[in-house]
Amino acid sequence: METNEFSKWLQNQLDEKEWSIADLARKSNLARGPISNVINGTRKPGPDFCEAIAKAIREPAENVYRIAGLLPPIDHNLDYRDWE
């Protein structure tokens, strides 16, 4: 996922929860500046950022990493039985 898509996703999370950036900052122990920068697309989310966001919004960290593009998407077409 591109940074812009992650930014939209994160803003959508705030909108759904009716949280401000300040609310997310308090709940994630992140500064408001980096959160704003990720939302406006001037900063890419890193692993520590994603971990803090995941805890704050109560989402599995793996999901947030995938949305941020830090992990590859899951290929649901793979058949792991073929690996045997």
PDB file of N, CA and C in Angstrom:
ATOM      1  N   MET A   1       0.853  -1.173   0.000  1.00  0.00           N
ATOM      2  CA  MET A   1       0.000   0.000   0.000  1.00  0.00           C
ATOM      3  C   MET A   1       0.898   1.236   0.000  1.00  0.00           C
ATOM      4  N   GLU A   2       0.512   2.219  -0.755  1.00  0.00           N
ATOM      5  CA  GLU A   2       1.275   3.452  -0.812  1.00  0.00           C
ATOM      6  C   GLU A   2       1.008   4.310   0.420  1.00  0.00           C
ATOM      7  N   THR A   3       1.931   5.222   0.684  1.00  0.00           N
ATOM      8  CA  THR A   3       1.800   6.105   1.840  1.00  0.00           C
ATOM      9  C   THR A   3       0.466   6.825   1.831  1.00  0.00           C
ATOM     10  N   ASN A   4       0.050   7.298   0.662  1.00  0.00           N
ATOM     11  CA  ASN A   4      -1.207   8.026   0.565  1.00  0.00           C
ATOM     12  C   ASN A   4      -2.387   7.151   0.990  1.00  0.00           C
ATOM     13  N   GLU A   5      -2.364   5.883   0.614  1.00  0.00           N
ATOM     14  CA  GLU A   5      -3.438   4.975   1.003  1.00  0.00           C
ATOM     15  C   GLU A   5      -3.418   4.735   2.512  1.00  0.00           C
ATOM     16  N   PHE A   6      -2.231   4.589   3.096  1.00  0.00           N
ATOM     17  CA  PHE A   6      -2.135   4.425   4.545  1.00  0.00           C
ATOM     18  C   PHE A   6      -2.652   5.681   5.239  1.00  0.00           C
ATOM     19  N   SER A   7      -2.311   6.830   4.701  1.00  0.00           N
ATOM     20  CA  SER A   7      -2.775   8.100   5.269  1.00  0.00           C
ATOM     21  C   SER A   7      -4.296   8.152   5.298  1.00  0.00           C
ATOM     22  N   LYS A   8      -4.909   7.771   4.186  1.00  0.00           N
ATOM     23  CA  LYS A   8      -6.373   7.752   4.121  1.00  0.00           C
ATOM     24  C   LYS A   8      -6.941   6.745   5.111  1.00  0.00           C
ATOM     25  N   TRP A   9      -6.314   5.577   5.194  1.00  0.00           N
ATOM     26  CA  TRP A   9      -6.770   4.546   6.133  1.00  0.00           C
ATOM     27  C   TRP A   9      -6.706   5.069   7.568  1.00  0.00           C
ATOM     28  N   LEU A  10      -5.590   5.702   7.933  1.00  0.00           N
ATOM     29  CA  LEU A  10      -5.428   6.203   9.293  1.00  0.00           C
ATOM     30  C   LEU A  10      -6.443   7.305   9.585  1.00  0.00           C
ATOM     31  N   GLN A  11      -6.642   8.215   8.632  1.00  0.00           N
ATOM     32  CA  GLN A  11      -7.646   9.264   8.825  1.00  0.00           C
ATOM     33  C   GLN A  11      -9.031   8.649   8.988  1.00  0.00           C
ATOM     34  N   ASN A  12      -9.321   7.603   8.228  1.00  0.00           N
ATOM     35  CA  ASN A  12     -10.604   6.914   8.348  1.00  0.00           C
ATOM     36  C   ASN A  12     -10.771   6.298   9.737  1.00  0.00           C
ATOM     37  N   GLN A  13      -9.690   5.749  10.286  1.00  0.00           N
ATOM     38  CA  GLN A  13      -9.748   5.196  11.640  1.00  0.00           C
ATOM     39  C   GLN A  13     -10.109   6.289  12.648  1.00  0.00           C
ATOM     40  N   LEU A  14      -9.489   7.444  12.495  1.00  0.00           N
ATOM     41  CA  LEU A  14      -9.795   8.564  13.388  1.00  0.00           C
ATOM     42  C   LEU A  14     -11.249   8.995  13.239  1.00  0.00           C
ATOM     43  N   ASP A  15     -11.703   9.078  12.012  1.00  0.00           N
ATOM     44  CA  ASP A  15     -13.085   9.498  11.758  1.00  0.00           C
ATOM     45  C   ASP A  15     -14.078   8.510  12.362  1.00  0.00           C
ATOM     46  N   GLU A  16     -13.828   7.217  12.160  1.00  0.00           N
ATOM     47  CA  GLU A  16     -14.731   6.194  12.687  1.00  0.00           C
ATOM     48  C   GLU A  16     -14.808   6.236  14.210  1.00  0.00           C
ATOM     49  N   LYS A  17     -13.680   6.505  14.847  1.00  0.00           N
ATOM     50  CA  LYS A  17     -13.628   6.527  16.310  1.00  0.00           C
ATOM     51  C   LYS A  17     -13.980   7.909  16.877  1.00  0.00           C
ATOM     52  N   GLU A  18     -14.136   8.868  15.969  1.00  0.00           N
ATOM     53  CA  GLU A  18     -14.376  10.262  16.365  1.00  0.00           C
ATOM     54  C   GLU A  18     -13.259  10.774  17.263  1.00  0.00           C
ATOM     55  N   TRP A  19     -12.016  10.443  16.855  1.00  0.00           N
ATOM     56  CA  TRP A  19     -10.824  10.869  17.570  1.00  0.00           C
ATOM     57  C   TRP A  19     -10.152  11.989  16.799  1.00  0.00           C
ATOM     58  N   SER A  20      -9.525  12.873  17.531  1.00  0.00           N
ATOM     59  CA  SER A  20      -8.657  13.878  16.922  1.00  0.00           C
ATOM     60  C   SER A  20      -7.240  13.303  16.869  1.00  0.00           C
ATOM     61  N   ILE A  21      -6.367  14.024  16.215  1.00  0.00           N
ATOM     62  CA  ILE A  21      -4.954  13.622  16.217  1.00  0.00           C
ATOM     63  C   ILE A  21      -4.426  13.642  17.645  1.00  0.00           C
ATOM     64  N   ALA A  22      -4.862  14.615  18.431  1.00  0.00           N
ATOM     65  CA  ALA A  22      -4.433  14.681  19.835  1.00  0.00           C
ATOM     66  C   ALA A  22      -4.898  13.452  20.612  1.00  0.00           C
ATOM     67  N   ASP A  23      -6.116  12.979  20.335  1.00  0.00           N
ATOM     68  CA  ASP A  23      -6.604  11.758  20.994  1.00  0.00           C
ATOM     69  C   ASP A  23      -5.717  10.571  20.647  1.00  0.00           C
ATOM     70  N   LEU A  24      -5.417  10.423  19.358  1.00  0.00           N
ATOM     71  CA  LEU A  24      -4.567   9.313  18.928  1.00  0.00           C
ATOM     72  C   LEU A  24      -3.174   9.443  19.532  1.00  0.00           C
ATOM     73  N   ALA A  25      -2.666  10.648  19.615  1.00  0.00           N
ATOM     74  CA  ALA A  25      -1.340  10.864  20.204  1.00  0.00           C
ATOM     75  C   ALA A  25      -1.320  10.401  21.659  1.00  0.00           C
ATOM     76  N   ARG A  26      -2.344  10.745  22.407  1.00  0.00           N
ATOM     77  CA  ARG A  26      -2.414  10.322  23.814  1.00  0.00           C
ATOM     78  C   ARG A  26      -2.505   8.801  23.936  1.00  0.00           C
ATOM     79  N   LYS A  27      -3.329   8.201  23.114  1.00  0.00           N
ATOM     80  CA  LYS A  27      -3.562   6.763  23.214  1.00  0.00           C
ATOM     81  C   LYS A  27      -2.383   5.937  22.691  1.00  0.00           C
ATOM     82  N   SER A  28      -1.599   6.516  21.793  1.00  0.00           N
ATOM     83  CA  SER A  28      -0.483   5.790  21.183  1.00  0.00           C
ATOM     84  C   SER A  28       0.877   6.152  21.775  1.00  0.00           C
ATOM     85  N   ASN A  29       0.920   7.184  22.608  1.00  0.00           N
ATOM     86  CA  ASN A  29       2.180   7.719  23.128  1.00  0.00           C
ATOM     87  C   ASN A  29       3.108   8.206  22.015  1.00  0.00           C
ATOM     88  N   LEU A  30       2.509   8.664  20.930  1.00  0.00           N
ATOM     89  CA  LEU A  30       3.260   9.287  19.843  1.00  0.00           C
ATOM     90  C   LEU A  30       3.004  10.794  19.901  1.00  0.00           C
ATOM     91  N   ALA A  31       3.927  11.551  19.374  1.00  0.00           N
ATOM     92  CA  ALA A  31       3.732  12.996  19.282  1.00  0.00           C
ATOM     93  C   ALA A  31       2.734  13.309  18.165  1.00  0.00           C
ATOM     94  N   ARG A  32       2.038  14.413  18.301  1.00  0.00           N
ATOM     95  CA  ARG A  32       1.061  14.818  17.285  1.00  0.00           C
ATOM     96  C   ARG A  32       1.724  15.097  15.944  1.00  0.00           C
ATOM     97  N   GLY A  33       2.923  15.649  15.974  1.00  0.00           N
ATOM     98  CA  GLY A  33       3.616  15.999  14.724  1.00  0.00           C
ATOM     99  C   GLY A  33       3.801  14.819  13.786  1.00  0.00           C
ATOM    100  N   PRO A  34       4.412  13.729  14.246  1.00  0.00           N
ATOM    101  CA  PRO A  34       4.576  12.585  13.359  1.00  0.00           C
ATOM    102  C   PRO A  34       3.253  12.005  12.857  1.00  0.00           C
ATOM    103  N   ILE A  35       2.238  12.012  13.701  1.00  0.00           N
ATOM    104  CA  ILE A  35       0.929  11.511  13.260  1.00  0.00           C
ATOM    105  C   ILE A  35       0.399  12.412  12.144  1.00  0.00           C
ATOM    106  N   SER A  36       0.470  13.717  12.348  1.00  0.00           N
ATOM    107  CA  SER A  36       0.029  14.665  11.316  1.00  0.00           C
ATOM    108  C   SER A  36       0.811  14.475  10.026  1.00  0.00           C
ATOM    109  N   ASN A  37       2.111  14.274  10.157  1.00  0.00           N
ATOM    110  CA  ASN A  37       2.951  14.093   8.966  1.00  0.00           C
ATOM    111  C   ASN A  37       2.590  12.834   8.197  1.00  0.00           C
ATOM    112  N   VAL A  38       2.261  11.770   8.908  1.00  0.00           N
ATOM    113  CA  VAL A  38       1.839  10.539   8.227  1.00  0.00           C
ATOM    114  C   VAL A  38       0.489  10.770   7.555  1.00  0.00           C
ATOM    115  N   ILE A  39      -0.423  11.407   8.243  1.00  0.00           N
ATOM    116  CA  ILE A  39      -1.750  11.645   7.669  1.00  0.00           C
ATOM    117  C   ILE A  39      -1.673  12.558   6.448  1.00  0.00           C
ATOM    118  N   ASN A  40      -0.798  13.567   6.483  1.00  0.00           N
ATOM    119  CA  ASN A  40      -0.718  14.457   5.315  1.00  0.00           C
ATOM    120  C   ASN A  40       0.251  13.934   4.253  1.00  0.00           C
ATOM    121  N   GLY A  41       0.846  12.771   4.490  1.00  0.00           N
ATOM    122  CA  GLY A  41       1.653  12.104   3.473  1.00  0.00           C
ATOM    123  C   GLY A  41       3.082  12.576   3.363  1.00  0.00           C
ATOM    124  N   THR A  42       3.569  13.369   4.323  1.00  0.00           N
ATOM    125  CA  THR A  42       4.952  13.848   4.241  1.00  0.00           C
ATOM    126  C   THR A  42       5.919  12.944   4.988  1.00  0.00           C
ATOM    127  N   ARG A  43       5.391  11.933   5.639  1.00  0.00           N
ATOM    128  CA  ARG A  43       6.232  10.981   6.364  1.00  0.00           C
ATOM    129  C   ARG A  43       5.668   9.582   6.171  1.00  0.00           C
ATOM    130  N   LYS A  44       6.565   8.625   5.980  1.00  0.00           N
ATOM    131  CA  LYS A  44       6.135   7.235   5.864  1.00  0.00           C
ATOM    132  C   LYS A  44       6.068   6.623   7.266  1.00  0.00           C
ATOM    133  N   PRO A  45       5.097   5.746   7.490  1.00  0.00           N
ATOM    134  CA  PRO A  45       5.028   5.083   8.790  1.00  0.00           C
ATOM    135  C   PRO A  45       6.083   3.986   8.893  1.00  0.00           C
ATOM    136  N   GLY A  46       6.789   3.959  10.004  1.00  0.00           N
ATOM    137  CA  GLY A  46       7.775   2.912  10.251  1.00  0.00           C
ATOM    138  C   GLY A  46       7.217   1.871  11.200  1.00  0.00           C
ATOM    139  N   PRO A  47       8.007   0.858  11.511  1.00  0.00           N
ATOM    140  CA  PRO A  47       7.536  -0.222  12.389  1.00  0.00           C
ATOM    141  C   PRO A  47       7.098   0.260  13.772  1.00  0.00           C
ATOM    142  N   ASP A  48       7.871   1.134  14.395  1.00  0.00           N
ATOM    143  CA  ASP A  48       7.499   1.612  15.735  1.00  0.00           C
ATOM    144  C   ASP A  48       6.203   2.412  15.695  1.00  0.00           C
ATOM    145  N   PHE A  49       6.056   3.218  14.673  1.00  0.00           N
ATOM    146  CA  PHE A  49       4.836   3.996  14.496  1.00  0.00           C
ATOM    147  C   PHE A  49       3.643   3.057  14.345  1.00  0.00           C
ATOM    148  N   CYS A  50       3.786   2.062  13.478  1.00  0.00           N
ATOM    149  CA  CYS A  50       2.689   1.114  13.234  1.00  0.00           C
ATOM    150  C   CYS A  50       2.335   0.337  14.493  1.00  0.00           C
ATOM    151  N   GLU A  51       3.339  -0.057  15.253  1.00  0.00           N
ATOM    152  CA  GLU A  51       3.096  -0.787  16.505  1.00  0.00           C
ATOM    153  C   GLU A  51       2.289   0.066  17.477  1.00  0.00           C
ATOM    154  N   ALA A  52       2.655   1.324  17.609  1.00  0.00           N
ATOM    155  CA  ALA A  52       1.952   2.226  18.520  1.00  0.00           C
ATOM    156  C   ALA A  52       0.519   2.468  18.059  1.00  0.00           C
ATOM    157  N   ILE A  53       0.333   2.634  16.753  1.00  0.00           N
ATOM    158  CA  ILE A  53      -1.013   2.844  16.206  1.00  0.00           C
ATOM    159  C   ILE A  53      -1.867   1.600  16.432  1.00  0.00           C
ATOM    160  N   ALA A  54      -1.296   0.439  16.181  1.00  0.00           N
ATOM    161  CA  ALA A  54      -2.034  -0.815  16.354  1.00  0.00           C
ATOM    162  C   ALA A  54      -2.538  -0.965  17.786  1.00  0.00           C
ATOM    163  N   LYS A  55      -1.679  -0.680  18.743  1.00  0.00           N
ATOM    164  CA  LYS A  55      -2.088  -0.783  20.147  1.00  0.00           C
ATOM    165  C   LYS A  55      -3.184   0.220  20.464  1.00  0.00           C
ATOM    166  N   ALA A  56      -3.043   1.432  19.953  1.00  0.00           N
ATOM    167  CA  ALA A  56      -4.009   2.482  20.254  1.00  0.00           C
ATOM    168  C   ALA A  56      -5.394   2.170  19.690  1.00  0.00           C
ATOM    169  N   ILE A  57      -5.432   1.639  18.471  1.00  0.00           N
ATOM    170  CA  ILE A  57      -6.732   1.381  17.847  1.00  0.00           C
ATOM    171  C   ILE A  57      -7.198  -0.060  18.039  1.00  0.00           C
ATOM    172  N   ARG A  58      -6.372  -0.825  18.746  1.00  0.00           N
ATOM    173  CA  ARG A  58      -6.708  -2.225  19.058  1.00  0.00           C
ATOM    174  C   ARG A  58      -6.905  -3.062  17.802  1.00  0.00           C
ATOM    175  N   GLU A  59      -5.919  -2.945  16.935  1.00  0.00           N
ATOM    176  CA  GLU A  59      -5.871  -3.690  15.682  1.00  0.00           C
ATOM    177  C   GLU A  59      -4.615  -4.542  15.724  1.00  0.00           C
ATOM    178  N   PRO A  60      -4.649  -5.778  15.218  1.00  0.00           N
ATOM    179  CA  PRO A  60      -3.415  -6.565  15.195  1.00  0.00           C
ATOM    180  C   PRO A  60      -2.301  -5.813  14.456  1.00  0.00           C
ATOM    181  N   ALA A  61      -1.129  -5.792  15.046  1.00  0.00           N
ATOM    182  CA  ALA A  61       0.001  -5.064  14.458  1.00  0.00           C
ATOM    183  C   ALA A  61       0.293  -5.554  13.045  1.00  0.00           C
ATOM    184  N   GLU A  62       0.177  -6.837  12.813  1.00  0.00           N
ATOM    185  CA  GLU A  62       0.441  -7.382  11.474  1.00  0.00           C
ATOM    186  C   GLU A  62      -0.452  -6.717  10.427  1.00  0.00           C
ATOM    187  N   ASN A  63      -1.708  -6.480  10.766  1.00  0.00           N
ATOM    188  CA  ASN A  63      -2.623  -5.817   9.826  1.00  0.00           C
ATOM    189  C   ASN A  63      -2.158  -4.402   9.511  1.00  0.00           C
ATOM    190  N   VAL A  64      -1.745  -3.685  10.550  1.00  0.00           N
ATOM    191  CA  VAL A  64      -1.290  -2.305  10.339  1.00  0.00           C
ATOM    192  C   VAL A  64      -0.009  -2.306   9.513  1.00  0.00           C
ATOM    193  N   TYR A  65       0.910  -3.233   9.780  1.00  0.00           N
ATOM    194  CA  TYR A  65       2.140  -3.330   8.968  1.00  0.00           C
ATOM    195  C   TYR A  65       1.803  -3.587   7.506  1.00  0.00           C
ATOM    196  N   ARG A  66       0.847  -4.455   7.258  1.00  0.00           N
ATOM    197  CA  ARG A  66       0.465  -4.754   5.867  1.00  0.00           C
ATOM    198  C   ARG A  66      -0.155  -3.525   5.204  1.00  0.00           C
ATOM    199  N   ILE A  67      -1.009  -2.829   5.910  1.00  0.00           N
ATOM    200  CA  ILE A  67      -1.638  -1.627   5.361  1.00  0.00           C
ATOM    201  C   ILE A  67      -0.579  -0.569   5.059  1.00  0.00           C
ATOM    202  N   ALA A  68       0.438  -0.489   5.912  1.00  0.00           N
ATOM    203  CA  ALA A  68       1.522   0.482   5.719  1.00  0.00           C
ATOM    204  C   ALA A  68       2.515   0.048   4.646  1.00  0.00           C
ATOM    205  N   GLY A  69       2.387  -1.179   4.166  1.00  0.00           N
ATOM    206  CA  GLY A  69       3.310  -1.672   3.148  1.00  0.00           C
ATOM    207  C   GLY A  69       4.603  -2.215   3.717  1.00  0.00           C
ATOM    208  N   LEU A  70       4.651  -2.443   5.026  1.00  0.00           N
ATOM    209  CA  LEU A  70       5.862  -2.975   5.647  1.00  0.00           C
ATOM    210  C   LEU A  70       5.914  -4.497   5.579  1.00  0.00           C
ATOM    211  N   LEU A  71       4.793  -5.120   5.293  1.00  0.00           N
ATOM    212  CA  LEU A  71       4.713  -6.556   5.049  1.00  0.00           C
ATOM    213  C   LEU A  71       3.973  -6.753   3.737  1.00  0.00           C
ATOM    214  N   PRO A  72       4.295  -7.803   3.011  1.00  0.00           N
ATOM    215  CA  PRO A  72       3.579  -8.023   1.752  1.00  0.00           C
ATOM    216  C   PRO A  72       2.131  -8.425   2.023  1.00  0.00           C
ATOM    217  N   PRO A  73       1.260  -8.152   1.061  1.00  0.00           N
ATOM    218  CA  PRO A  73      -0.126  -8.572   1.236  1.00  0.00           C
ATOM    219  C   PRO A  73      -0.216 -10.094   1.276  1.00  0.00           C
ATOM    220  N   ILE A  74      -1.268 -10.575   1.877  1.00  0.00           N
ATOM    221  CA  ILE A  74      -1.502 -12.012   1.938  1.00  0.00           C
ATOM    222  C   ILE A  74      -2.048 -12.461   0.591  1.00  0.00           C
ATOM    223  N   ASP A  75      -1.458 -13.495   0.022  1.00  0.00           N
ATOM    224  CA  ASP A  75      -1.945 -14.056  -1.234  1.00  0.00           C
ATOM    225  C   ASP A  75      -2.876 -15.199  -0.892  1.00  0.00           C
ATOM    226  N   HIS A  76      -4.151 -14.952  -0.994  1.00  0.00           N
ATOM    227  CA  HIS A  76      -5.147 -15.963  -0.638  1.00  0.00           C
ATOM    228  C   HIS A  76      -5.256 -17.060  -1.688  1.00  0.00           C
ATOM    229  N   ASN A  77      -4.567 -16.887  -2.810  1.00  0.00           N
ATOM    230  CA  ASN A  77      -4.604 -17.895  -3.861  1.00  0.00           C
ATOM    231  C   ASN A  77      -3.550 -18.975  -3.673  1.00  0.00           C
ATOM    232  N   LEU A  78      -2.631 -18.778  -2.731  1.00  0.00           N
ATOM    233  CA  LEU A  78      -1.605 -19.783  -2.476  1.00  0.00           C
ATOM    234  C   LEU A  78      -2.217 -21.006  -1.814  1.00  0.00           C
ATOM    235  N   ASP A  79      -1.769 -22.136  -2.240  1.00  0.00           N
ATOM    236  CA  ASP A  79      -2.196 -23.393  -1.615  1.00  0.00           C
ATOM    237  C   ASP A  79      -0.967 -23.993  -0.964  1.00  0.00           C
ATOM    238  N   TYR A  80      -0.888 -23.880   0.345  1.00  0.00           N
ATOM    239  CA  TYR A  80       0.299 -24.325   1.062  1.00  0.00           C
ATOM    240  C   TYR A  80       0.472 -25.842   1.004  1.00  0.00           C
ATOM    241  N   ARG A  81      -0.550 -26.562   0.607  1.00  0.00           N
ATOM    242  CA  ARG A  81      -0.407 -28.016   0.448  1.00  0.00           C
ATOM    243  C   ARG A  81       0.545 -28.346  -0.683  1.00  0.00           C
ATOM    244  N   ASP A  82       0.701 -27.397  -1.634  1.00  0.00           N
ATOM    245  CA  ASP A  82       1.627 -27.607  -2.751  1.00  0.00           C
ATOM    246  C   ASP A  82       3.078 -27.603  -2.301  1.00  0.00           C
ATOM    247  N   TRP A  83       3.351 -27.123  -1.091  1.00  0.00           N
ATOM    248  CA  TRP A  83       4.716 -27.032  -0.592  1.00  0.00           C
ATOM    249  C   TRP A  83       5.200 -28.351  -0.016  1.00  0.00           C
ATOM    250  N   GLU A  84       4.323 -29.277   0.160  1.00  0.00           N
ATOM    251  CA  GLU A  84       4.711 -30.552   0.780  1.00  0.00           C
ATOM    252  C   GLU A  84       5.426 -31.450  -0.194  1.00  0.00           C
TER     253      GLU A  84
END
